[in-house]
PDB file of N, CA and C in Angstrom:
ATOM      1  N   UNK A   1       6.213   2.636  -1.225  1.00  0.00           N
ATOM      2  CA  UNK A   1       5.231   2.393  -0.191  1.00  0.00           C
ATOM      3  C   UNK A   1       5.466   0.981   0.355  1.00  0.00           C
ATOM      4  N   UNK A   2       5.575   0.836   1.665  1.00  0.00           N
ATOM      5  CA  UNK A   2       5.817  -0.484   2.252  1.00  0.00           C
ATOM      6  C   UNK A   2       4.521  -1.277   2.432  1.00  0.00           C
ATOM      7  N   UNK A   3       4.672  -2.554   2.736  1.00  0.00           N
ATOM      8  CA  UNK A   3       3.530  -3.399   3.078  1.00  0.00           C
ATOM      9  C   UNK A   3       2.887  -2.821   4.339  1.00  0.00           C
ATOM     10  N   UNK A   4       1.578  -2.688   4.345  1.00  0.00           N
ATOM     11  CA  UNK A   4       0.911  -2.059   5.485  1.00  0.00           C
ATOM     12  C   UNK A   4       0.974  -2.926   6.733  1.00  0.00           C
ATOM     13  N   UNK A   5       1.194  -4.238   6.615  1.00  0.00           N
ATOM     14  CA  UNK A   5       1.223  -5.120   7.788  1.00  0.00           C
ATOM     15  C   UNK A   5       2.623  -5.249   8.381  1.00  0.00           C
ATOM     16  N   UNK A   6       3.604  -5.583   7.531  1.00  0.00           N
ATOM     17  CA  UNK A   6       4.934  -5.901   8.068  1.00  0.00           C
ATOM     18  C   UNK A   6       5.983  -4.826   7.794  1.00  0.00           C
ATOM     19  N   UNK A   7       5.689  -3.863   6.922  1.00  0.00           N
ATOM     20  CA  UNK A   7       6.632  -2.787   6.633  1.00  0.00           C
ATOM     21  C   UNK A   7       7.678  -3.122   5.590  1.00  0.00           C
ATOM     22  N   UNK A   8       7.624  -4.335   4.998  1.00  0.00           N
ATOM     23  CA  UNK A   8       8.587  -4.699   3.957  1.00  0.00           C
ATOM     24  C   UNK A   8       8.428  -3.759   2.770  1.00  0.00           C
ATOM     25  N   UNK A   9       9.525  -3.461   2.133  1.00  0.00           N
ATOM     26  CA  UNK A   9       9.505  -2.573   0.971  1.00  0.00           C
ATOM     27  C   UNK A   9       9.506  -3.383  -0.312  1.00  0.00           C
ATOM     28  N   UNK A  10       8.737  -2.908  -1.278  1.00  0.00           N
ATOM     29  CA  UNK A  10       8.667  -3.558  -2.578  1.00  0.00           C
ATOM     30  C   UNK A  10       9.944  -3.257  -3.347  1.00  0.00           C
ATOM     31  N   UNK A  11      10.489  -4.268  -3.989  1.00  0.00           N
ATOM     32  CA  UNK A  11      11.671  -4.088  -4.818  1.00  0.00           C
ATOM     33  C   UNK A  11      11.268  -4.249  -6.271  1.00  0.00           C
ATOM     34  N   UNK A  12      12.154  -3.887  -7.156  1.00  0.00           N
ATOM     35  CA  UNK A  12      11.861  -4.033  -8.580  1.00  0.00           C
ATOM     36  C   UNK A  12      11.631  -5.509  -8.880  1.00  0.00           C
ATOM     37  N   UNK A  13      10.481  -5.826  -9.478  1.00  0.00           N
ATOM     38  CA  UNK A  13      10.191  -7.241  -9.752  1.00  0.00           C
ATOM     39  C   UNK A  13      11.029  -7.775 -10.903  1.00  0.00           C
ATOM     40  N   UNK A  14      11.212  -9.082 -10.891  1.00  0.00           N
ATOM     41  CA  UNK A  14      11.799  -9.718 -12.058  1.00  0.00           C
ATOM     42  C   UNK A  14      10.737  -9.691 -13.144  1.00  0.00           C
ATOM     43  N   UNK A  15      10.990 -10.290 -14.248  1.00  0.00           N
ATOM     44  CA  UNK A  15      10.018 -10.273 -15.339  1.00  0.00           C
ATOM     45  C   UNK A  15       8.683 -10.847 -14.895  1.00  0.00           C
ATOM     46  N   UNK A  16       7.649 -10.304 -15.454  1.00  0.00           N
ATOM     47  CA  UNK A  16       6.312 -10.782 -15.134  1.00  0.00           C
ATOM     48  C   UNK A  16       5.611  -9.870 -14.150  1.00  0.00           C
ATOM     49  N   UNK A  17       4.390 -10.227 -13.803  1.00  0.00           N
ATOM     50  CA  UNK A  17       3.623  -9.384 -12.885  1.00  0.00           C
ATOM     51  C   UNK A  17       4.171  -9.437 -11.469  1.00  0.00           C
ATOM     52  N   UNK A  18       3.959  -8.370 -10.743  1.00  0.00           N
ATOM     53  CA  UNK A  18       4.424  -8.291  -9.362  1.00  0.00           C
ATOM     54  C   UNK A  18       3.563  -9.175  -8.468  1.00  0.00           C
ATOM     55  N   UNK A  19       4.168  -9.864  -7.505  1.00  0.00           N
ATOM     56  CA  UNK A  19       3.379 -10.672  -6.572  1.00  0.00           C
ATOM     57  C   UNK A  19       2.706  -9.816  -5.493  1.00  0.00           C
ATOM     58  N   UNK A  20       3.031  -8.543  -5.416  1.00  0.00           N
ATOM     59  CA  UNK A  20       2.412  -7.645  -4.446  1.00  0.00           C
ATOM     60  C   UNK A  20       1.004  -7.309  -4.910  1.00  0.00           C
ATOM     61  N   UNK A  21       0.119  -7.028  -3.967  1.00  0.00           N
ATOM     62  CA  UNK A  21      -1.268  -6.692  -4.278  1.00  0.00           C
ATOM     63  C   UNK A  21      -1.633  -5.352  -3.654  1.00  0.00           C
ATOM     64  N   UNK A  22      -2.605  -4.695  -4.279  1.00  0.00           N
ATOM     65  CA  UNK A  22      -3.149  -3.464  -3.728  1.00  0.00           C
ATOM     66  C   UNK A  22      -4.457  -3.789  -3.027  1.00  0.00           C
ATOM     67  N   UNK A  23      -4.787  -2.996  -2.051  1.00  0.00           N
ATOM     68  CA  UNK A  23      -6.050  -3.144  -1.356  1.00  0.00           C
ATOM     69  C   UNK A  23      -6.411  -1.841  -0.678  1.00  0.00           C
ATOM     70  N   UNK A  24      -7.540  -1.850   0.006  1.00  0.00           N
ATOM     71  CA  UNK A  24      -7.985  -0.668   0.736  1.00  0.00           C
ATOM     72  C   UNK A  24      -8.205  -1.070   2.181  1.00  0.00           C
ATOM     73  N   UNK A  25      -7.652  -0.279   3.080  1.00  0.00           N
ATOM     74  CA  UNK A  25      -7.848  -0.489   4.512  1.00  0.00           C
ATOM     75  C   UNK A  25      -8.120   0.873   5.137  1.00  0.00           C
ATOM     76  N   UNK A  26      -9.232   0.968   5.864  1.00  0.00           N
ATOM     77  CA  UNK A  26      -9.651   2.231   6.476  1.00  0.00           C
ATOM     78  C   UNK A  26      -9.693   3.349   5.434  1.00  0.00           C
ATOM     79  N   UNK A  27     -10.223   3.015   4.261  1.00  0.00           N
ATOM     80  CA  UNK A  27     -10.388   3.954   3.151  1.00  0.00           C
ATOM     81  C   UNK A  27      -9.081   4.554   2.646  1.00  0.00           C
ATOM     82  N   UNK A  28      -7.994   3.824   2.810  1.00  0.00           N
ATOM     83  CA  UNK A  28      -6.694   4.237   2.264  1.00  0.00           C
ATOM     84  C   UNK A  28      -6.139   3.108   1.417  1.00  0.00           C
ATOM     85  N   UNK A  29      -5.546   3.475   0.289  1.00  0.00           N
ATOM     86  CA  UNK A  29      -4.919   2.495  -0.590  1.00  0.00           C
ATOM     87  C   UNK A  29      -3.667   1.958   0.097  1.00  0.00           C
ATOM     88  N   UNK A  30      -3.498   0.642   0.128  1.00  0.00           N
ATOM     89  CA  UNK A  30      -2.330   0.035   0.751  1.00  0.00           C
ATOM     90  C   UNK A  30      -1.743  -1.019  -0.176  1.00  0.00           C
ATOM     91  N   UNK A  31      -0.492  -1.359   0.067  1.00  0.00           N
ATOM     92  CA  UNK A  31       0.170  -2.469  -0.624  1.00  0.00           C
ATOM     93  C   UNK A  31       0.309  -3.619   0.348  1.00  0.00           C
ATOM     94  N   UNK A  32       0.217  -4.840  -0.176  1.00  0.00           N
ATOM     95  CA  UNK A  32       0.340  -6.036   0.655  1.00  0.00           C
ATOM     96  C   UNK A  32       1.395  -6.934   0.021  1.00  0.00           C
ATOM     97  N   UNK A  33       2.421  -7.292   0.806  1.00  0.00           N
ATOM     98  CA  UNK A  33       3.485  -8.159   0.300  1.00  0.00           C
ATOM     99  C   UNK A  33       2.934  -9.587   0.162  1.00  0.00           C
ATOM    100  N   UNK A  34       3.613 -10.433  -0.595  1.00  0.00           N
ATOM    101  CA  UNK A  34       3.134 -11.809  -0.782  1.00  0.00           C
ATOM    102  C   UNK A  34       2.973 -12.573   0.530  1.00  0.00           C
ATOM    103  N   UNK A  35       3.842 -12.341   1.510  1.00  0.00           N
ATOM    104  CA  UNK A  35       3.770 -13.061   2.769  1.00  0.00           C
ATOM    105  C   UNK A  35       2.606 -12.663   3.654  1.00  0.00           C
ATOM    106  N   UNK A  36       2.074 -11.479   3.463  1.00  0.00           N
ATOM    107  CA  UNK A  36       0.981 -10.981   4.312  1.00  0.00           C
ATOM    108  C   UNK A  36      -0.391 -11.070   3.649  1.00  0.00           C
ATOM    109  N   UNK A  37      -0.460 -11.505   2.408  1.00  0.00           N
ATOM    110  CA  UNK A  37      -1.731 -11.460   1.688  1.00  0.00           C
ATOM    111  C   UNK A  37      -2.813 -12.333   2.306  1.00  0.00           C
ATOM    112  N   UNK A  38      -2.475 -13.486   2.828  1.00  0.00           N
ATOM    113  CA  UNK A  38      -3.477 -14.372   3.423  1.00  0.00           C
ATOM    114  C   UNK A  38      -4.073 -13.790   4.703  1.00  0.00           C
ATOM    115  N   UNK A  39      -3.265 -13.111   5.503  1.00  0.00           N
ATOM    116  CA  UNK A  39      -3.706 -12.604   6.805  1.00  0.00           C
ATOM    117  C   UNK A  39      -4.171 -11.148   6.751  1.00  0.00           C
ATOM    118  N   UNK A  40      -4.118 -10.531   5.579  1.00  0.00           N
ATOM    119  CA  UNK A  40      -4.455  -9.114   5.477  1.00  0.00           C
ATOM    120  C   UNK A  40      -5.936  -8.882   5.756  1.00  0.00           C
ATOM    121  N   UNK A  41      -6.216  -7.958   6.647  1.00  0.00           N
ATOM    122  CA  UNK A  41      -7.586  -7.576   6.958  1.00  0.00           C
ATOM    123  C   UNK A  41      -7.890  -6.292   6.195  1.00  0.00           C
ATOM    124  N   UNK A  42      -8.577  -6.443   5.076  1.00  0.00           N
ATOM    125  CA  UNK A  42      -8.860  -5.321   4.194  1.00  0.00           C
ATOM    126  C   UNK A  42     -10.331  -4.959   4.232  1.00  0.00           C
ATOM    127  N   UNK A  43     -10.613  -3.739   3.781  1.00  0.00           N
ATOM    128  CA  UNK A  43     -12.010  -3.323   3.642  1.00  0.00           C
ATOM    129  C   UNK A  43     -12.673  -4.192   2.582  1.00  0.00           C
ATOM    130  N   UNK A  44     -13.965  -4.388   2.724  1.00  0.00           N
ATOM    131  CA  UNK A  44     -14.741  -5.185   1.776  1.00  0.00           C
ATOM    132  C   UNK A  44     -15.831  -4.327   1.146  1.00  0.00           C
ATOM    133  N   UNK A  45     -16.222  -4.712  -0.047  1.00  0.00           N
ATOM    134  CA  UNK A  45     -17.295  -4.040  -0.758  1.00  0.00           C
ATOM    135  C   UNK A  45     -18.609  -4.258  -0.010  1.00  0.00           C
ATOM    136  N   UNK A  46     -19.357  -3.190   0.191  1.00  0.00           N
ATOM    137  CA  UNK A  46     -20.648  -3.289   0.875  1.00  0.00           C
ATOM    138  C   UNK A  46     -21.681  -4.010   0.016  1.00  0.00           C
ATOM    139  N   UNK A  47     -21.451  -4.053  -1.289  1.00  0.00           N
ATOM    140  CA  UNK A  47     -22.410  -4.670  -2.186  1.00  0.00           C
ATOM    141  C   UNK A  47     -22.164  -6.165  -2.393  1.00  0.00           C
ATOM    142  N   UNK A  48     -20.903  -6.540  -2.694  1.00  0.00           N
ATOM    143  CA  UNK A  48     -20.623  -7.944  -3.022  1.00  0.00           C
ATOM    144  C   UNK A  48     -19.663  -8.636  -2.058  1.00  0.00           C
ATOM    145  N   UNK A  49     -19.034  -7.888  -1.151  1.00  0.00           N
ATOM    146  CA  UNK A  49     -18.123  -8.479  -0.174  1.00  0.00           C
ATOM    147  C   UNK A  49     -16.702  -8.687  -0.660  1.00  0.00           C
ATOM    148  N   UNK A  50     -16.381  -8.275  -1.867  1.00  0.00           N
ATOM    149  CA  UNK A  50     -15.045  -8.445  -2.433  1.00  0.00           C
ATOM    150  C   UNK A  50     -14.027  -7.528  -1.755  1.00  0.00           C
ATOM    151  N   UNK A  51     -12.752  -7.949  -1.753  1.00  0.00           N
ATOM    152  CA  UNK A  51     -11.679  -7.088  -1.255  1.00  0.00           C
ATOM    153  C   UNK A  51     -10.949  -6.404  -2.408  1.00  0.00           C
ATOM    154  N   UNK A  52     -11.437  -6.585  -3.634  1.00  0.00           N
ATOM    155  CA  UNK A  52     -10.817  -5.978  -4.818  1.00  0.00           C
ATOM    156  C   UNK A  52     -11.259  -4.528  -4.939  1.00  0.00           C
ATOM    157  N   UNK A  53     -10.805  -3.702  -4.004  1.00  0.00           N
ATOM    158  CA  UNK A  53     -11.186  -2.296  -3.969  1.00  0.00           C
ATOM    159  C   UNK A  53     -10.018  -1.409  -4.354  1.00  0.00           C
ATOM    160  N   UNK A  54     -10.353  -0.256  -4.926  1.00  0.00           N
ATOM    161  CA  UNK A  54      -9.353   0.776  -5.192  1.00  0.00           C
ATOM    162  C   UNK A  54      -9.888   2.085  -4.623  1.00  0.00           C
ATOM    163  N   UNK A  55      -8.987   2.910  -4.166  1.00  0.00           N
ATOM    164  CA  UNK A  55      -9.344   4.197  -3.572  1.00  0.00           C
ATOM    165  C   UNK A  55      -8.742   5.289  -4.428  1.00  0.00           C
ATOM    166  N   UNK A  56      -9.609   6.193  -4.898  1.00  0.00           N
ATOM    167  CA  UNK A  56      -9.111   7.292  -5.725  1.00  0.00           C
ATOM    168  C   UNK A  56     -10.071   8.467  -5.667  1.00  0.00           C
ATOM    169  N   UNK A  57      -9.526   9.650  -5.664  1.00  0.00           N
ATOM    170  CA  UNK A  57     -10.292  10.889  -5.708  1.00  0.00           C
ATOM    171  C   UNK A  57     -11.458  10.919  -4.728  1.00  0.00           C
ATOM    172  N   UNK A  58     -11.204  10.448  -3.507  1.00  0.00           N
ATOM    173  CA  UNK A  58     -12.223  10.504  -2.477  1.00  0.00           C
ATOM    174  C   UNK A  58     -13.305   9.451  -2.586  1.00  0.00           C
ATOM    175  N   UNK A  59     -13.087   8.451  -3.446  1.00  0.00           N
ATOM    176  CA  UNK A  59     -14.061   7.376  -3.622  1.00  0.00           C
ATOM    177  C   UNK A  59     -13.383   6.028  -3.470  1.00  0.00           C
ATOM    178  N   UNK A  60     -14.150   5.041  -3.071  1.00  0.00           N
ATOM    179  CA  UNK A  60     -13.687   3.659  -3.035  1.00  0.00           C
ATOM    180  C   UNK A  60     -14.556   2.896  -4.020  1.00  0.00           C
ATOM    181  N   UNK A  61     -13.913   2.236  -4.979  1.00  0.00           N
ATOM    182  CA  UNK A  61     -14.638   1.497  -6.022  1.00  0.00           C
ATOM    183  C   UNK A  61     -14.277   0.026  -5.967  1.00  0.00           C
ATOM    184  N   UNK A  62     -15.284  -0.817  -6.133  1.00  0.00           N
ATOM    185  CA  UNK A  62     -15.069  -2.256  -6.191  1.00  0.00           C
ATOM    186  C   UNK A  62     -14.739  -2.635  -7.629  1.00  0.00           C
ATOM    187  N   UNK A  63     -13.636  -3.347  -7.821  1.00  0.00           N
ATOM    188  CA  UNK A  63     -13.242  -3.768  -9.158  1.00  0.00           C
ATOM    189  C   UNK A  63     -14.063  -4.961  -9.642  1.00  0.00           C
ATOM    190  N   UNK A  64     -14.722  -5.655  -8.735  1.00  0.00           N
ATOM    191  CA  UNK A  64     -15.530  -6.809  -9.136  1.00  0.00           C
ATOM    192  C   UNK A  64     -16.928  -6.414  -9.605  1.00  0.00           C
ATOM    193  N   UNK A  65     -17.635  -5.608  -8.808  1.00  0.00           N
ATOM    194  CA  UNK A  65     -19.030  -5.289  -9.154  1.00  0.00           C
ATOM    195  C   UNK A  65     -19.241  -3.843  -9.582  1.00  0.00           C
ATOM    196  N   UNK A  66     -18.234  -2.978  -9.407  1.00  0.00           N
ATOM    197  CA  UNK A  66     -18.345  -1.588  -9.821  1.00  0.00           C
ATOM    198  C   UNK A  66     -19.005  -0.661  -8.812  1.00  0.00           C
ATOM    199  N   UNK A  67     -19.397  -1.185  -7.650  1.00  0.00           N
ATOM    200  CA  UNK A  67     -20.018  -0.358  -6.611  1.00  0.00           C
ATOM    201  C   UNK A  67     -19.037   0.736  -6.177  1.00  0.00           C
ATOM    202  N   UNK A  68     -19.540   1.968  -6.077  1.00  0.00           N
ATOM    203  CA  UNK A  68     -18.712   3.117  -5.684  1.00  0.00           C
ATOM    204  C   UNK A  68     -19.338   3.757  -4.452  1.00  0.00           C
ATOM    205  N   UNK A  69     -18.485   4.103  -3.497  1.00  0.00           N
ATOM    206  CA  UNK A  69     -18.940   4.833  -2.316  1.00  0.00           C
ATOM    207  C   UNK A  69     -17.927   5.920  -2.000  1.00  0.00           C
ATOM    208  N   UNK A  70     -18.367   6.890  -1.243  1.00  0.00           N
ATOM    209  CA  UNK A  70     -17.480   7.975  -0.844  1.00  0.00           C
ATOM    210  C   UNK A  70     -16.525   7.470   0.233  1.00  0.00           C
ATOM    211  N   UNK A  71     -15.265   7.844   0.118  1.00  0.00           N
ATOM    212  CA  UNK A  71     -14.277   7.469   1.132  1.00  0.00           C
ATOM    213  C   UNK A  71     -14.448   8.383   2.332  1.00  0.00           C
ATOM    214  N   UNK A  72     -14.376   7.808   3.514  1.00  0.00           N
ATOM    215  CA  UNK A  72     -14.460   8.585   4.740  1.00  0.00           C
ATOM    216  C   UNK A  72     -13.101   9.214   4.974  1.00  0.00           C
ATOM    217  N   UNK A  73     -13.090  10.525   5.106  1.00  0.00           N
ATOM    218  CA  UNK A  73     -11.831  11.238   5.323  1.00  0.00           C
ATOM    219  C   UNK A  73     -11.432  11.139   6.782  1.00  0.00           C
ATOM    220  N   UNK A  74     -10.233  10.658   7.018  1.00  0.00           N
ATOM    221  CA  UNK A  74      -9.721  10.567   8.383  1.00  0.00           C
ATOM    222  C   UNK A  74      -9.031  11.870   8.743  1.00  0.00           C
ATOM    223  N   UNK A  75      -9.198  12.298   9.990  1.00  0.00           N
ATOM    224  CA  UNK A  75      -8.496  13.492  10.453  1.00  0.00           C
ATOM    225  C   UNK A  75      -7.100  13.142  10.950  1.00  0.00           C
ATOM    226  N   UNK A  76      -6.831  11.833  11.088  1.00  0.00           N
ATOM    227  CA  UNK A  76      -5.513  11.380  11.526  1.00  0.00           C
ATOM    228  C   UNK A  76      -4.533  11.476  10.360  1.00  0.00           C
ATOM    229  N   UNK A  77      -3.351  12.025  10.562  1.00  0.00           N
ATOM    230  CA  UNK A  77      -2.361  12.043   9.484  1.00  0.00           C
ATOM    231  C   UNK A  77      -1.866  10.626   9.201  1.00  0.00           C
ATOM    232  N   UNK A  78      -1.480  10.397   7.972  1.00  0.00           N
ATOM    233  CA  UNK A  78      -0.946   9.091   7.603  1.00  0.00           C
ATOM    234  C   UNK A  78       0.350   8.852   8.361  1.00  0.00           C
ATOM    235  N   UNK A  79       0.524   7.624   8.833  1.00  0.00           N
ATOM    236  CA  UNK A  79       1.750   7.297   9.556  1.00  0.00           C
ATOM    237  C   UNK A  79       2.908   7.195   8.573  1.00  0.00           C
ATOM    238  N   UNK A  80       4.051   7.789   8.901  1.00  0.00           N
ATOM    239  CA  UNK A  80       5.201   7.656   8.006  1.00  0.00           C
ATOM    240  C   UNK A  80       5.690   6.217   8.010  1.00  0.00           C
ATOM    241  N   UNK A  81       6.222   5.808   6.893  1.00  0.00           N
ATOM    242  CA  UNK A  81       6.739   4.453   6.781  1.00  0.00           C
ATOM    243  C   UNK A  81       7.945   4.296   7.698  1.00  0.00           C
ATOM    244  N   UNK A  82       8.018   3.192   8.442  1.00  0.00           N
ATOM    245  CA  UNK A  82       9.152   3.011   9.351  1.00  0.00           C
ATOM    246  C   UNK A  82      10.463   2.890   8.575  1.00  0.00           C
ATOM    247  N   UNK A  83      11.443   3.664   8.999  1.00  0.00           N
ATOM    248  CA  UNK A  83      12.767   3.573   8.400  1.00  0.00           C
ATOM    249  C   UNK A  83      12.920   4.264   7.056  1.00  0.00           C
ATOM    250  N   UNK A  84      11.889   4.962   6.601  1.00  0.00           N
ATOM    251  CA  UNK A  84      11.956   5.572   5.278  1.00  0.00           C
ATOM    252  C   UNK A  84      13.064   6.613   5.192  1.00  0.00           C
ATOM    253  N   UNK A  85      13.198   7.462   6.202  1.00  0.00           N
ATOM    254  CA  UNK A  85      14.216   8.512   6.132  1.00  0.00           C
ATOM    255  C   UNK A  85      15.620   7.914   6.081  1.00  0.00           C
ATOM    256  N   UNK A  86      15.839   6.810   6.806  1.00  0.00           N
ATOM    257  CA  UNK A  86      17.144   6.150   6.769  1.00  0.00           C
ATOM    258  C   UNK A  86      17.409   5.537   5.397  1.00  0.00           C
ATOM    259  N   UNK A  87      16.375   4.939   4.786  1.00  0.00           N
ATOM    260  CA  UNK A  87      16.538   4.356   3.451  1.00  0.00           C
ATOM    261  C   UNK A  87      16.831   5.426   2.415  1.00  0.00           C
ATOM    262  N   UNK A  88      16.158   6.571   2.522  1.00  0.00           N
ATOM    263  CA  UNK A  88      16.395   7.666   1.579  1.00  0.00           C
ATOM    264  C   UNK A  88      17.811   8.198   1.754  1.00  0.00           C
ATOM    265  N   UNK A  89      18.254   8.381   2.987  1.00  0.00           N
ATOM    266  CA  UNK A  89      19.614   8.865   3.238  1.00  0.00           C
ATOM    267  C   UNK A  89      20.650   7.902   2.675  1.00  0.00           C
ATOM    268  N   UNK A  90      20.446   6.594   2.869  1.00  0.00           N
ATOM    269  CA  UNK A  90      21.387   5.599   2.341  1.00  0.00           C
ATOM    270  C   UNK A  90      21.401   5.627   0.819  1.00  0.00           C
ATOM    271  N   UNK A  91      20.239   5.773   0.201  1.00  0.00           N
ATOM    272  CA  UNK A  91      20.172   5.828  -1.261  1.00  0.00           C
ATOM    273  C   UNK A  91      20.880   7.064  -1.788  1.00  0.00           C
ATOM    274  N   UNK A  92      20.696   8.201  -1.128  1.00  0.00           N
ATOM    275  CA  UNK A  92      21.394   9.422  -1.552  1.00  0.00           C
ATOM    276  C   UNK A  92      22.900   9.283  -1.395  1.00  0.00           C
ATOM    277  N   UNK A  93      23.335   8.667  -0.305  1.00  0.00           N
ATOM    278  CA  UNK A  93      24.769   8.451  -0.105  1.00  0.00           C
ATOM    279  C   UNK A  93      25.349   7.567  -1.207  1.00  0.00           C
ATOM    280  N   UNK A  94      24.604   6.524  -1.588  1.00  0.00           N
ATOM    281  CA  UNK A  94      25.078   5.658  -2.680  1.00  0.00           C
ATOM    282  C   UNK A  94      25.131   6.423  -3.988  1.00  0.00           C
ATOM    283  N   UNK A  95      24.088   7.190  -4.255  1.00  0.00           N
ATOM    284  CA  UNK A  95      24.007   7.945  -5.502  1.00  0.00           C
ATOM    285  C   UNK A  95      25.104   8.991  -5.598  1.00  0.00           C
ATOM    286  N   UNK A  96      25.344   9.680  -4.487  1.00  0.00           N
ATOM    287  CA  UNK A  96      26.340  10.748  -4.472  1.00  0.00           C
ATOM    288  C   UNK A  96      27.732  10.249  -4.086  1.00  0.00           C
ATOM    289  N   UNK A  97      27.833   8.931  -3.908  1.00  0.00           N
ATOM    290  CA  UNK A  97      29.106   8.277  -3.563  1.00  0.00           C
ATOM    291  C   UNK A  97      29.735   8.851  -2.307  1.00  0.00           C
ATOM    292  N   UNK A  98      28.881   9.106  -1.305  1.00  0.00           N
ATOM    293  CA  UNK A  98      29.358   9.584  -0.018  1.00  0.00           C
ATOM    294  C   UNK A  98      29.454   8.404   0.932  1.00  0.00           C
ATOM    295  N   UNK A  99      30.420   8.431   1.837  1.00  0.00           N
ATOM    296  CA  UNK A  99      30.485   7.352   2.821  1.00  0.00           C
ATOM    297  C   UNK A  99      29.284   7.438   3.754  1.00  0.00           C
ATOM    298  N   UNK A 100      28.744   6.278   4.146  1.00  0.00           N
ATOM    299  CA  UNK A 100      27.600   6.283   5.059  1.00  0.00           C
ATOM    300  C   UNK A 100      28.095   6.499   6.481  1.00  0.00           C
ATOM    301  N   UNK A 101      27.204   7.040   7.318  1.00  0.00           N
ATOM    302  CA  UNK A 101      27.577   7.346   8.707  1.00  0.00           C
ATOM    303  C   UNK A 101      27.750   6.103   9.530  1.00  0.00           C
TER     304      UNK A 101
END
């Protein structure tokens, strides 16, 4: 899953915790790269105002205060990640040792 703001892809981290963060935007779980974390406009908890939210099983829960609300279901399909099909094709070519186009 890429960063929701800039589209950068997460790579395998070196030792230690990942600098990437999770958040919720428009009731969808998103990843935020280290460079976009300061400017990220995320959903906030209606109870305490925190951005430490997680979205699961149709609910959005605040990790700070525990407030839970129902996630609003969007009728819009999720946008595909930019360049994902090209990245998958390149990875398959590397794996199968095929020359790239």
